[in-house]
Amino acid sequence: MKIGVSATFAVALGADPGNEGEYLQQIARVLEDSGYDSIWLADRTVYPVDLVGLYPDRWGPGQADPQGQNVIEPLTSMSFVAGCTKTLKLGFSVLILPLRHPVMNAKMISTLDILSGGRVIFGAGIGWMPEEFEGMSADFHTRGRVTDEHIEMFKTLCGEDGATYQGEHFQVSGKTFYPKPIQKPHPPIWIAGNSLAAIHRAVRHGDGWFPIGLRVEELLEGKETLKEICEREDRDPDSVTVALSLSLRMGRSVSSPDGNRQPLSGAMFQISDDVRRYEDAGLDHLVFSVPIADPNIALDSIKRFADEIIR
């Protein structure tokens, strides 16, 4: 099982304004030196001022710090990371496709794949926050169909020049697209989401399924659903990478609404056992975030995890 770290919330919470680049570079180098496989960045454009009032189950007292939504733009930031690393895979967790134009997005991803020597993992999602769509003048209700077309457009552009794609929202025909990515036919596309629709999208359009926060039992159920859909779609389930995004809370046990301890929280022996159980369940790639405001504690957590679990 490969292991990566989402640096988004650590940078958003721990970096002084204007110092994000230095902290991001520090995290990236620690990850590469410590034996991690990948680094990840999330996507957010705008969000409502009253985030806690609108979403008290997600942010506020006892929940996530809303300051963590002050994220740097992931594609430009990952170009910076590519320049200061050599082996880390560069993943997006995830790009909100309905808020990005597919042609420009394809050009940026392909360019990053070239500059990094073929290290990009294209994490893709439909988005979930209506207020963000409103701020971007995008239609929240068509985001699923737009995402599907965005992915198909991306694949078309990465293929032979002059190819045709005719969708409801996007079309291309008789055009040359440059540059083409190093990875063929394109960088792996991991579809985010826990829903049945997300699993269908992963099987039909993606190379991986990338849910968030699932317990081992829920992951196994999701993998069984994925297998059933693959059989109906005449696809080999082993061709779909299964990844999972979690939060690391070392030394602090965090309870879910049902009262059970959340995975990757608590003592190191509990976290180590969580990792082993996910690996035994057939998880291909574990990605954890470090939502810690103190840079020293965040980096120490990343290093300790590597020392006790990866190495």
C-alpha atoms as a PDB file:
ATOM      1  CA  MET A   1       0.000   0.000   0.000  1.00  0.00           C
ATOM      2  CA  LYS A   2       1.324   3.424  -0.964  1.00  0.00           C
ATOM      3  CA  ILE A   3       1.026   6.350   1.430  1.00  0.00           C
ATOM      4  CA  GLY A   4       0.790  10.061   0.690  1.00  0.00           C
ATOM      5  CA  VAL A   5       0.096  13.276   2.571  1.00  0.00           C
ATOM      6  CA  SER A   6      -2.286  16.109   1.769  1.00  0.00           C
ATOM      7  CA  ALA A   7      -0.404  19.300   2.609  1.00  0.00           C
ATOM      8  CA  THR A   8      -3.337  21.648   2.056  1.00  0.00           C
ATOM      9  CA  PHE A   9      -4.651  22.089   5.579  1.00  0.00           C
ATOM     10  CA  ALA A  10      -1.211  22.086   7.210  1.00  0.00           C
ATOM     11  CA  VAL A  11      -0.186  24.990   4.970  1.00  0.00           C
ATOM     12  CA  ALA A  12      -3.513  26.820   5.364  1.00  0.00           C
ATOM     13  CA  LEU A  13      -3.430  26.539   9.155  1.00  0.00           C
ATOM     14  CA  GLY A  14       0.294  26.722   9.878  1.00  0.00           C
ATOM     15  CA  ALA A  15       1.899  29.090   7.391  1.00  0.00           C
ATOM     16  CA  ASP A  16       2.155  32.809   8.012  1.00  0.00           C
ATOM     17  CA  PRO A  17       0.608  34.869   5.183  1.00  0.00           C
ATOM     18  CA  GLY A  18       3.194  35.146   2.444  1.00  0.00           C
ATOM     19  CA  ASN A  19       5.184  32.211   3.817  1.00  0.00           C
ATOM     20  CA  GLU A  20       3.116  29.443   2.219  1.00  0.00           C
ATOM     21  CA  GLY A  21       5.754  28.612  -0.378  1.00  0.00           C
ATOM     22  CA  GLU A  22       8.531  28.066   2.144  1.00  0.00           C
ATOM     23  CA  TYR A  23       6.351  25.830   4.334  1.00  0.00           C
ATOM     24  CA  LEU A  24       5.036  23.853   1.357  1.00  0.00           C
ATOM     25  CA  GLN A  25       8.590  23.272   0.157  1.00  0.00           C
ATOM     26  CA  GLN A  26       9.598  22.129   3.637  1.00  0.00           C
ATOM     27  CA  ILE A  27       6.733  19.622   3.797  1.00  0.00           C
ATOM     28  CA  ALA A  28       7.474  18.305   0.297  1.00  0.00           C
ATOM     29  CA  ARG A  29      11.131  17.697   1.086  1.00  0.00           C
ATOM     30  CA  VAL A  30      10.317  15.994   4.384  1.00  0.00           C
ATOM     31  CA  LEU A  31       7.871  13.699   2.579  1.00  0.00           C
ATOM     32  CA  GLU A  32      10.381  12.761  -0.098  1.00  0.00           C
ATOM     33  CA  ASP A  33      13.197  12.203   2.400  1.00  0.00           C
ATOM     34  CA  SER A  34      10.921  10.137   4.674  1.00  0.00           C
ATOM     35  CA  GLY A  35       9.810   7.624   2.054  1.00  0.00           C
ATOM     36  CA  TYR A  36       6.281   8.815   1.287  1.00  0.00           C
ATOM     37  CA  ASP A  37       4.908   8.150  -2.180  1.00  0.00           C
ATOM     38  CA  SER A  38       2.901  11.280  -2.882  1.00  0.00           C
ATOM     39  CA  ILE A  39       1.933  14.815  -1.923  1.00  0.00           C
ATOM     40  CA  TRP A  40      -1.581  16.176  -2.416  1.00  0.00           C
ATOM     41  CA  LEU A  41      -3.269  19.563  -2.655  1.00  0.00           C
ATOM     42  CA  ALA A  42      -6.977  20.383  -2.473  1.00  0.00           C
ATOM     43  CA  ASP A  43      -9.071  22.883  -4.409  1.00  0.00           C
ATOM     44  CA  ARG A  44     -11.146  25.779  -3.093  1.00  0.00           C
ATOM     45  CA  THR A  45     -11.973  29.091  -4.759  1.00  0.00           C
ATOM     46  CA  VAL A  46     -14.345  31.061  -2.529  1.00  0.00           C
ATOM     47  CA  TYR A  47     -16.496  30.134   0.438  1.00  0.00           C
ATOM     48  CA  PRO A  48     -19.162  31.900   2.535  1.00  0.00           C
ATOM     49  CA  VAL A  49     -18.038  34.190   5.339  1.00  0.00           C
ATOM     50  CA  ASP A  50     -20.448  32.488   7.762  1.00  0.00           C
ATOM     51  CA  LEU A  51     -19.069  29.009   7.119  1.00  0.00           C
ATOM     52  CA  VAL A  52     -19.561  27.859  10.713  1.00  0.00           C
ATOM     53  CA  GLY A  53     -23.162  29.061  10.815  1.00  0.00           C
ATOM     54  CA  LEU A  54     -24.047  27.392   7.523  1.00  0.00           C
ATOM     55  CA  TYR A  55     -22.189  24.126   8.153  1.00  0.00           C
ATOM     56  CA  PRO A  56     -21.881  23.593  11.937  1.00  0.00           C
ATOM     57  CA  ASP A  57     -21.510  19.837  11.419  1.00  0.00           C
ATOM     58  CA  ARG A  58     -18.281  20.447   9.477  1.00  0.00           C
ATOM     59  CA  TRP A  59     -16.684  23.562  10.968  1.00  0.00           C
ATOM     60  CA  GLY A  60     -16.567  25.292  14.319  1.00  0.00           C
ATOM     61  CA  PRO A  61     -16.215  24.144  17.937  1.00  0.00           C
ATOM     62  CA  GLY A  62     -15.308  20.467  18.010  1.00  0.00           C
ATOM     63  CA  GLN A  63     -15.134  20.373  14.215  1.00  0.00           C
ATOM     64  CA  ALA A  64     -12.618  21.502  11.586  1.00  0.00           C
ATOM     65  CA  ASP A  65     -11.049  24.960  11.708  1.00  0.00           C
ATOM     66  CA  PRO A  66     -12.595  27.139   8.954  1.00  0.00           C
ATOM     67  CA  GLN A  67      -9.180  28.748   8.510  1.00  0.00           C
ATOM     68  CA  GLY A  68      -8.233  25.506   6.782  1.00  0.00           C
ATOM     69  CA  GLN A  69     -10.320  26.586   3.772  1.00  0.00           C
ATOM     70  CA  ASN A  70      -7.886  29.394   2.984  1.00  0.00           C
ATOM     71  CA  VAL A  71      -6.037  27.206   0.505  1.00  0.00           C
ATOM     72  CA  ILE A  72      -3.509  28.132  -2.149  1.00  0.00           C
ATOM     73  CA  GLU A  73      -4.382  27.317  -5.767  1.00  0.00           C
ATOM     74  CA  PRO A  74      -3.351  23.701  -6.328  1.00  0.00           C
ATOM     75  CA  LEU A  75      -2.133  23.553  -9.948  1.00  0.00           C
ATOM     76  CA  THR A  76       0.202  26.531  -9.747  1.00  0.00           C
ATOM     77  CA  SER A  77       1.353  25.407  -6.295  1.00  0.00           C
ATOM     78  CA  MET A  78       2.083  21.898  -7.539  1.00  0.00           C
ATOM     79  CA  SER A  79       4.325  23.293 -10.266  1.00  0.00           C
ATOM     80  CA  PHE A  80       6.364  24.796  -7.444  1.00  0.00           C
ATOM     81  CA  VAL A  81       6.439  21.432  -5.653  1.00  0.00           C
ATOM     82  CA  ALA A  82       7.523  19.683  -8.847  1.00  0.00           C
ATOM     83  CA  GLY A  83      10.568  21.926  -8.993  1.00  0.00           C
ATOM     84  CA  CYS A  84      11.766  21.062  -5.495  1.00  0.00           C
ATOM     85  CA  THR A  85      11.138  17.282  -5.588  1.00  0.00           C
ATOM     86  CA  LYS A  86      12.239  14.391  -7.778  1.00  0.00           C
ATOM     87  CA  THR A  87      10.217  11.296  -6.897  1.00  0.00           C
ATOM     88  CA  LEU A  88       6.967  12.288  -5.160  1.00  0.00           C
ATOM     89  CA  LYS A  89       3.783  11.729  -7.116  1.00  0.00           C
ATOM     90  CA  LEU A  90       1.857  15.000  -7.391  1.00  0.00           C
ATOM     91  CA  GLY A  91      -1.816  14.488  -6.607  1.00  0.00           C
ATOM     92  CA  PHE A  92      -4.910  16.665  -6.418  1.00  0.00           C
ATOM     93  CA  SER A  93      -7.446  15.922  -3.718  1.00  0.00           C
ATOM     94  CA  VAL A  94      -9.330  17.039  -5.668  1.00  0.00           C
ATOM     95  CA  LEU A  95      -9.807  19.506  -8.525  1.00  0.00           C
ATOM     96  CA  ILE A  96     -13.422  20.699  -8.696  1.00  0.00           C
ATOM     97  CA  LEU A  97     -13.982  20.186 -12.401  1.00  0.00           C
ATOM     98  CA  PRO A  98     -17.242  22.152 -12.909  1.00  0.00           C
ATOM     99  CA  LEU A  99     -15.357  25.277 -11.789  1.00  0.00           C
ATOM    100  CA  ARG A 100     -12.548  24.842 -14.357  1.00  0.00           C
ATOM    101  CA  HIS A 101     -12.567  25.027 -18.149  1.00  0.00           C
ATOM    102  CA  PRO A 102     -11.554  21.628 -19.546  1.00  0.00           C
ATOM    103  CA  VAL A 103      -9.205  22.910 -22.260  1.00  0.00           C
ATOM    104  CA  MET A 104      -7.181  25.165 -19.959  1.00  0.00           C
ATOM    105  CA  ASN A 105      -7.284  22.533 -17.227  1.00  0.00           C
ATOM    106  CA  ALA A 106      -5.957  19.923 -19.664  1.00  0.00           C
ATOM    107  CA  LYS A 107      -3.161  22.250 -20.754  1.00  0.00           C
ATOM    108  CA  MET A 108      -2.109  22.937 -17.148  1.00  0.00           C
ATOM    109  CA  ILE A 109      -2.231  19.280 -16.100  1.00  0.00           C
ATOM    110  CA  SER A 110      -0.347  18.139 -19.194  1.00  0.00           C
ATOM    111  CA  THR A 111       2.290  20.829 -18.690  1.00  0.00           C
ATOM    112  CA  LEU A 112       2.720  19.811 -15.058  1.00  0.00           C
ATOM    113  CA  ASP A 113       3.053  16.181 -16.091  1.00  0.00           C
ATOM    114  CA  ILE A 114       5.866  17.146 -18.474  1.00  0.00           C
ATOM    115  CA  LEU A 115       7.673  19.443 -16.035  1.00  0.00           C
ATOM    116  CA  SER A 116       7.507  16.802 -13.295  1.00  0.00           C
ATOM    117  CA  GLY A 117       8.632  13.922 -15.478  1.00  0.00           C
ATOM    118  CA  GLY A 118       5.254  12.169 -15.459  1.00  0.00           C
ATOM    119  CA  ARG A 119       4.330  12.340 -11.773  1.00  0.00           C
ATOM    120  CA  VAL A 120       0.771  13.719 -11.856  1.00  0.00           C
ATOM    121  CA  ILE A 121      -2.307  12.010 -10.380  1.00  0.00           C
ATOM    122  CA  PHE A 122      -5.430  13.831 -11.553  1.00  0.00           C
ATOM    123  CA  GLY A 123      -7.874  13.723  -8.655  1.00  0.00           C
ATOM    124  CA  ALA A 124     -11.285  14.891  -9.862  1.00  0.00           C
ATOM    125  CA  GLY A 125     -14.498  15.806  -8.069  1.00  0.00           C
ATOM    126  CA  ILE A 126     -17.868  17.392  -8.726  1.00  0.00           C
ATOM    127  CA  GLY A 127     -17.840  19.775  -5.730  1.00  0.00           C
ATOM    128  CA  TRP A 128     -20.424  19.991  -2.959  1.00  0.00           C
ATOM    129  CA  MET A 129     -20.722  23.602  -1.711  1.00  0.00           C
ATOM    130  CA  PRO A 130     -23.512  25.584  -3.475  1.00  0.00           C
ATOM    131  CA  GLU A 131     -22.090  28.905  -2.289  1.00  0.00           C
ATOM    132  CA  GLU A 132     -18.803  28.220  -4.069  1.00  0.00           C
ATOM    133  CA  PHE A 133     -20.632  27.529  -7.331  1.00  0.00           C
ATOM    134  CA  GLU A 134     -22.608  30.744  -6.870  1.00  0.00           C
ATOM    135  CA  GLY A 135     -19.363  32.673  -6.397  1.00  0.00           C
ATOM    136  CA  MET A 136     -17.974  31.152  -9.598  1.00  0.00           C
ATOM    137  CA  SER A 137     -21.204  31.693 -11.613  1.00  0.00           C
ATOM    138  CA  ALA A 138     -21.416  27.938 -12.188  1.00  0.00           C
ATOM    139  CA  ASP A 139     -24.518  25.736 -12.220  1.00  0.00           C
ATOM    140  CA  PHE A 140     -24.552  23.564  -9.109  1.00  0.00           C
ATOM    141  CA  HIS A 141     -27.299  21.285 -10.413  1.00  0.00           C
ATOM    142  CA  THR A 142     -25.508  20.164 -13.587  1.00  0.00           C
ATOM    143  CA  ARG A 143     -22.140  19.564 -11.928  1.00  0.00           C
ATOM    144  CA  GLY A 144     -22.262  15.777 -12.362  1.00  0.00           C
ATOM    145  CA  ARG A 145     -22.859  15.897 -16.119  1.00  0.00           C
ATOM    146  CA  VAL A 146     -20.355  18.716 -16.536  1.00  0.00           C
ATOM    147  CA  THR A 147     -17.724  16.679 -14.686  1.00  0.00           C
ATOM    148  CA  ASP A 148     -18.290  13.649 -16.915  1.00  0.00           C
ATOM    149  CA  GLU A 149     -17.912  15.777 -20.039  1.00  0.00           C
ATOM    150  CA  HIS A 150     -14.855  17.532 -18.617  1.00  0.00           C
ATOM    151  CA  ILE A 151     -13.114  14.175 -18.138  1.00  0.00           C
ATOM    152  CA  GLU A 152     -14.050  12.934 -21.602  1.00  0.00           C
ATOM    153  CA  MET A 153     -12.858  16.213 -23.109  1.00  0.00           C
ATOM    154  CA  PHE A 154      -9.562  15.829 -21.240  1.00  0.00           C
ATOM    155  CA  LYS A 155      -9.074  12.345 -22.654  1.00  0.00           C
ATOM    156  CA  THR A 156      -9.896  13.565 -26.157  1.00  0.00           C
ATOM    157  CA  LEU A 157      -7.360  16.397 -25.954  1.00  0.00           C
ATOM    158  CA  CYS A 158      -4.659  14.053 -24.653  1.00  0.00           C
ATOM    159  CA  GLY A 159      -5.193  11.781 -27.658  1.00  0.00           C
ATOM    160  CA  GLU A 160      -4.707  12.342 -31.368  1.00  0.00           C
ATOM    161  CA  ASP A 161      -4.929  15.887 -32.692  1.00  0.00           C
ATOM    162  CA  GLY A 162      -8.068  16.642 -34.659  1.00  0.00           C
ATOM    163  CA  ALA A 163     -10.233  14.264 -32.630  1.00  0.00           C
ATOM    164  CA  THR A 164     -13.860  15.162 -32.072  1.00  0.00           C
ATOM    165  CA  TYR A 165     -15.822  15.363 -28.852  1.00  0.00           C
ATOM    166  CA  GLN A 166     -19.412  16.574 -28.874  1.00  0.00           C
ATOM    167  CA  GLY A 167     -21.037  17.007 -25.489  1.00  0.00           C
ATOM    168  CA  GLU A 168     -23.899  19.108 -24.201  1.00  0.00           C
ATOM    169  CA  HIS A 169     -21.567  21.516 -22.410  1.00  0.00           C
ATOM    170  CA  PHE A 170     -18.210  21.129 -24.211  1.00  0.00           C
ATOM    171  CA  GLN A 171     -17.220  20.427 -27.810  1.00  0.00           C
ATOM    172  CA  VAL A 172     -13.961  20.156 -29.722  1.00  0.00           C
ATOM    173  CA  SER A 173     -13.222  19.195 -33.325  1.00  0.00           C
ATOM    174  CA  GLY A 174     -10.340  19.623 -35.733  1.00  0.00           C
ATOM    175  CA  LYS A 175      -8.024  21.230 -33.177  1.00  0.00           C
ATOM    176  CA  THR A 176      -4.386  20.694 -32.246  1.00  0.00           C
ATOM    177  CA  PHE A 177      -3.735  20.488 -28.511  1.00  0.00           C
ATOM    178  CA  TYR A 178      -0.263  20.922 -27.030  1.00  0.00           C
ATOM    179  CA  PRO A 179       1.482  19.732 -24.924  1.00  0.00           C
ATOM    180  CA  LYS A 180       0.559  16.092 -24.585  1.00  0.00           C
ATOM    181  CA  PRO A 181       1.262  14.578 -21.145  1.00  0.00           C
ATOM    182  CA  ILE A 182       4.154  12.185 -20.596  1.00  0.00           C
ATOM    183  CA  GLN A 183       1.907   9.532 -19.040  1.00  0.00           C
ATOM    184  CA  LYS A 184      -0.057   7.648 -21.678  1.00  0.00           C
ATOM    185  CA  PRO A 185      -2.805   7.807 -22.591  1.00  0.00           C
ATOM    186  CA  HIS A 186      -3.055  10.472 -19.849  1.00  0.00           C
ATOM    187  CA  PRO A 187      -2.260  10.939 -16.136  1.00  0.00           C
ATOM    188  CA  PRO A 188      -4.360   8.605 -13.965  1.00  0.00           C
ATOM    189  CA  ILE A 189      -7.767  10.054 -13.134  1.00  0.00           C
ATOM    190  CA  TRP A 190      -9.033   9.317  -9.626  1.00  0.00           C
ATOM    191  CA  ILE A 191     -12.701  10.061  -9.002  1.00  0.00           C
ATOM    192  CA  ALA A 192     -13.534  11.430  -5.564  1.00  0.00           C
ATOM    193  CA  GLY A 193     -16.682  10.697  -3.603  1.00  0.00           C
ATOM    194  CA  ASN A 194     -18.357   8.167  -1.344  1.00  0.00           C
ATOM    195  CA  SER A 195     -21.634   7.942  -3.236  1.00  0.00           C
ATOM    196  CA  LEU A 196     -22.839   5.257  -5.607  1.00  0.00           C
ATOM    197  CA  ALA A 197     -22.702   7.848  -8.390  1.00  0.00           C
ATOM    198  CA  ALA A 198     -19.017   8.447  -7.635  1.00  0.00           C
ATOM    199  CA  ILE A 199     -18.245   4.730  -7.912  1.00  0.00           C
ATOM    200  CA  HIS A 200     -20.131   4.554 -11.216  1.00  0.00           C
ATOM    201  CA  ARG A 201     -18.145   7.576 -12.438  1.00  0.00           C
ATOM    202  CA  ALA A 202     -14.859   5.957 -11.383  1.00  0.00           C
ATOM    203  CA  VAL A 203     -15.658   2.784 -13.324  1.00  0.00           C
ATOM    204  CA  ARG A 204     -16.941   4.549 -16.441  1.00  0.00           C
ATOM    205  CA  HIS A 205     -14.569   7.504 -16.649  1.00  0.00           C
ATOM    206  CA  GLY A 206     -11.695   7.068 -14.211  1.00  0.00           C
ATOM    207  CA  ASP A 207      -8.648   5.065 -13.293  1.00  0.00           C
ATOM    208  CA  GLY A 208      -9.252   5.165  -9.548  1.00  0.00           C
ATOM    209  CA  TRP A 209     -11.885   5.595  -6.846  1.00  0.00           C
ATOM    210  CA  PHE A 210     -10.953   8.112  -4.125  1.00  0.00           C
ATOM    211  CA  PRO A 211     -13.457   8.275  -1.234  1.00  0.00           C
ATOM    212  CA  ILE A 212     -12.950  10.083   2.075  1.00  0.00           C
ATOM    213  CA  GLY A 213     -13.229   9.051   5.719  1.00  0.00           C
ATOM    214  CA  LEU A 214     -14.392   5.457   5.239  1.00  0.00           C
ATOM    215  CA  ARG A 215     -13.875   2.880   7.961  1.00  0.00           C
ATOM    216  CA  VAL A 216     -12.431  -0.465   6.935  1.00  0.00           C
ATOM    217  CA  GLU A 217     -15.873  -2.071   6.871  1.00  0.00           C
ATOM    218  CA  GLU A 218     -17.252   0.734   4.701  1.00  0.00           C
ATOM    219  CA  LEU A 219     -14.255   0.483   2.385  1.00  0.00           C
ATOM    220  CA  LEU A 220     -14.850  -3.238   1.913  1.00  0.00           C
ATOM    221  CA  GLU A 221     -18.513  -2.567   1.103  1.00  0.00           C
ATOM    222  CA  GLY A 222     -17.475   0.082  -1.408  1.00  0.00           C
ATOM    223  CA  LYS A 223     -14.969  -2.247  -3.033  1.00  0.00           C
ATOM    224  CA  GLU A 224     -17.657  -4.905  -3.403  1.00  0.00           C
ATOM    225  CA  THR A 225     -19.967  -2.361  -5.037  1.00  0.00           C
ATOM    226  CA  LEU A 226     -17.149  -1.295  -7.340  1.00  0.00           C
ATOM    227  CA  LYS A 227     -16.550  -4.921  -8.316  1.00  0.00           C
ATOM    228  CA  GLU A 228     -20.231  -5.429  -9.137  1.00  0.00           C
ATOM    229  CA  ILE A 229     -20.335  -2.291 -11.294  1.00  0.00           C
ATOM    230  CA  CYS A 230     -17.132  -3.336 -13.071  1.00  0.00           C
ATOM    231  CA  GLU A 231     -18.713  -6.669 -13.928  1.00  0.00           C
ATOM    232  CA  ARG A 232     -21.748  -4.911 -15.423  1.00  0.00           C
ATOM    233  CA  GLU A 233     -19.512  -2.500 -17.341  1.00  0.00           C
ATOM    234  CA  ASP A 234     -17.212  -5.304 -18.540  1.00  0.00           C
ATOM    235  CA  ARG A 235     -14.198  -3.825 -16.772  1.00  0.00           C
ATOM    236  CA  ASP A 236     -11.493  -5.525 -14.729  1.00  0.00           C
ATOM    237  CA  PRO A 237     -11.892  -4.274 -11.120  1.00  0.00           C
ATOM    238  CA  ASP A 238      -8.137  -4.598 -10.634  1.00  0.00           C
ATOM    239  CA  SER A 239      -7.724  -1.822 -13.216  1.00  0.00           C
ATOM    240  CA  VAL A 240      -9.360   0.651 -10.798  1.00  0.00           C
ATOM    241  CA  THR A 241      -7.033   1.943  -8.081  1.00  0.00           C
ATOM    242  CA  VAL A 242      -8.722   2.247  -4.688  1.00  0.00           C
ATOM    243  CA  ALA A 243      -7.445   5.151  -2.601  1.00  0.00           C
ATOM    244  CA  LEU A 244      -8.740   6.741   0.600  1.00  0.00           C
ATOM    245  CA  SER A 245      -8.402  10.160   2.227  1.00  0.00           C
ATOM    246  CA  LEU A 246      -8.271  10.423   6.032  1.00  0.00           C
ATOM    247  CA  SER A 247      -7.092  12.886   8.691  1.00  0.00           C
ATOM    248  CA  LEU A 248      -4.164  12.055  10.981  1.00  0.00           C
ATOM    249  CA  ARG A 249      -4.660  13.082  14.608  1.00  0.00           C
ATOM    250  CA  MET A 250      -1.697  11.593  16.401  1.00  0.00           C
ATOM    251  CA  GLY A 251      -1.958  11.463  20.193  1.00  0.00           C
ATOM    252  CA  ARG A 252      -5.591  12.600  20.192  1.00  0.00           C
ATOM    253  CA  SER A 253      -8.484  10.194  19.944  1.00  0.00           C
ATOM    254  CA  VAL A 254     -11.376  11.687  17.986  1.00  0.00           C
ATOM    255  CA  SER A 255     -14.854  10.197  18.128  1.00  0.00           C
ATOM    256  CA  SER A 256     -17.329   9.957  15.278  1.00  0.00           C
ATOM    257  CA  PRO A 257     -21.006  10.813  15.845  1.00  0.00           C
ATOM    258  CA  ASP A 258     -21.607   7.121  16.582  1.00  0.00           C
ATOM    259  CA  GLY A 259     -19.079   7.273  19.420  1.00  0.00           C
ATOM    260  CA  ASN A 260     -16.413   5.144  17.759  1.00  0.00           C
ATOM    261  CA  ARG A 261     -12.830   6.329  17.393  1.00  0.00           C
ATOM    262  CA  GLN A 262     -12.085   7.822  14.012  1.00  0.00           C
ATOM    263  CA  PRO A 263      -9.396   6.015  11.986  1.00  0.00           C
ATOM    264  CA  LEU A 264      -5.861   7.422  12.263  1.00  0.00           C
ATOM    265  CA  SER A 265      -6.607   9.112  15.575  1.00  0.00           C
ATOM    266  CA  GLY A 266      -5.261   8.230  19.003  1.00  0.00           C
ATOM    267  CA  ALA A 267      -2.087   6.485  20.122  1.00  0.00           C
ATOM    268  CA  MET A 268       0.532   5.345  17.636  1.00  0.00           C
ATOM    269  CA  PHE A 269      -0.257   1.674  18.195  1.00  0.00           C
ATOM    270  CA  GLN A 270      -3.903   2.376  17.283  1.00  0.00           C
ATOM    271  CA  ILE A 271      -2.908   4.303  14.163  1.00  0.00           C
ATOM    272  CA  SER A 272      -0.484   1.558  13.154  1.00  0.00           C
ATOM    273  CA  ASP A 273      -3.233  -1.025  13.539  1.00  0.00           C
ATOM    274  CA  ASP A 274      -5.573   1.124  11.429  1.00  0.00           C
ATOM    275  CA  VAL A 275      -3.007   1.253   8.632  1.00  0.00           C
ATOM    276  CA  ARG A 276      -2.479  -2.507   8.771  1.00  0.00           C
ATOM    277  CA  ARG A 277      -6.227  -3.167   8.584  1.00  0.00           C
ATOM    278  CA  TYR A 278      -6.641  -0.882   5.562  1.00  0.00           C
ATOM    279  CA  GLU A 279      -3.769  -2.620   3.823  1.00  0.00           C
ATOM    280  CA  ASP A 280      -5.279  -6.023   4.619  1.00  0.00           C
ATOM    281  CA  ALA A 281      -8.571  -4.771   3.140  1.00  0.00           C
ATOM    282  CA  GLY A 282      -6.839  -4.198  -0.184  1.00  0.00           C
ATOM    283  CA  LEU A 283      -6.452  -0.420  -0.093  1.00  0.00           C
ATOM    284  CA  ASP A 284      -3.977   0.660  -2.773  1.00  0.00           C
ATOM    285  CA  HIS A 285      -3.178   4.199  -1.674  1.00  0.00           C
ATOM    286  CA  LEU A 286      -3.752   5.918   1.690  1.00  0.00           C
ATOM    287  CA  VAL A 287      -3.654   9.721   1.765  1.00  0.00           C
ATOM    288  CA  PHE A 288      -3.839  11.539   5.077  1.00  0.00           C
ATOM    289  CA  SER A 289      -4.071  15.229   5.902  1.00  0.00           C
ATOM    290  CA  VAL A 290      -2.424  16.911   8.888  1.00  0.00           C
ATOM    291  CA  PRO A 291      -4.872  19.595  10.105  1.00  0.00           C
ATOM    292  CA  ILE A 292      -2.458  21.096  12.653  1.00  0.00           C
ATOM    293  CA  ALA A 293      -1.807  24.819  13.113  1.00  0.00           C
ATOM    294  CA  ASP A 294       1.688  24.409  14.608  1.00  0.00           C
ATOM    295  CA  PRO A 295       4.200  23.746  11.785  1.00  0.00           C
ATOM    296  CA  ASN A 296       6.653  21.991  14.092  1.00  0.00           C
ATOM    297  CA  ILE A 297       4.015  19.573  15.398  1.00  0.00           C
ATOM    298  CA  ALA A 298       2.715  18.921  11.874  1.00  0.00           C
ATOM    299  CA  LEU A 299       6.179  18.085  10.543  1.00  0.00           C
ATOM    300  CA  ASP A 300       6.990  15.980  13.601  1.00  0.00           C
ATOM    301  CA  SER A 301       3.766  14.002  13.054  1.00  0.00           C
ATOM    302  CA  ILE A 302       4.693  13.357   9.417  1.00  0.00           C
ATOM    303  CA  LYS A 303       8.211  12.252  10.389  1.00  0.00           C
ATOM    304  CA  ARG A 304       7.060  10.048  13.258  1.00  0.00           C
ATOM    305  CA  PHE A 305       4.451   8.320  11.107  1.00  0.00           C
ATOM    306  CA  ALA A 306       7.166   7.557   8.568  1.00  0.00           C
ATOM    307  CA  ASP A 307       9.634   6.325  11.183  1.00  0.00           C
ATOM    308  CA  GLU A 308       7.173   3.972  12.868  1.00  0.00           C
ATOM    309  CA  ILE A 309       4.986   2.815   9.972  1.00  0.00           C
ATOM    310  CA  ILE A 310       6.600   3.395   6.572  1.00  0.00           C
ATOM    311  CA  ARG A 311      10.239   2.556   7.254  1.00  0.00           C
END
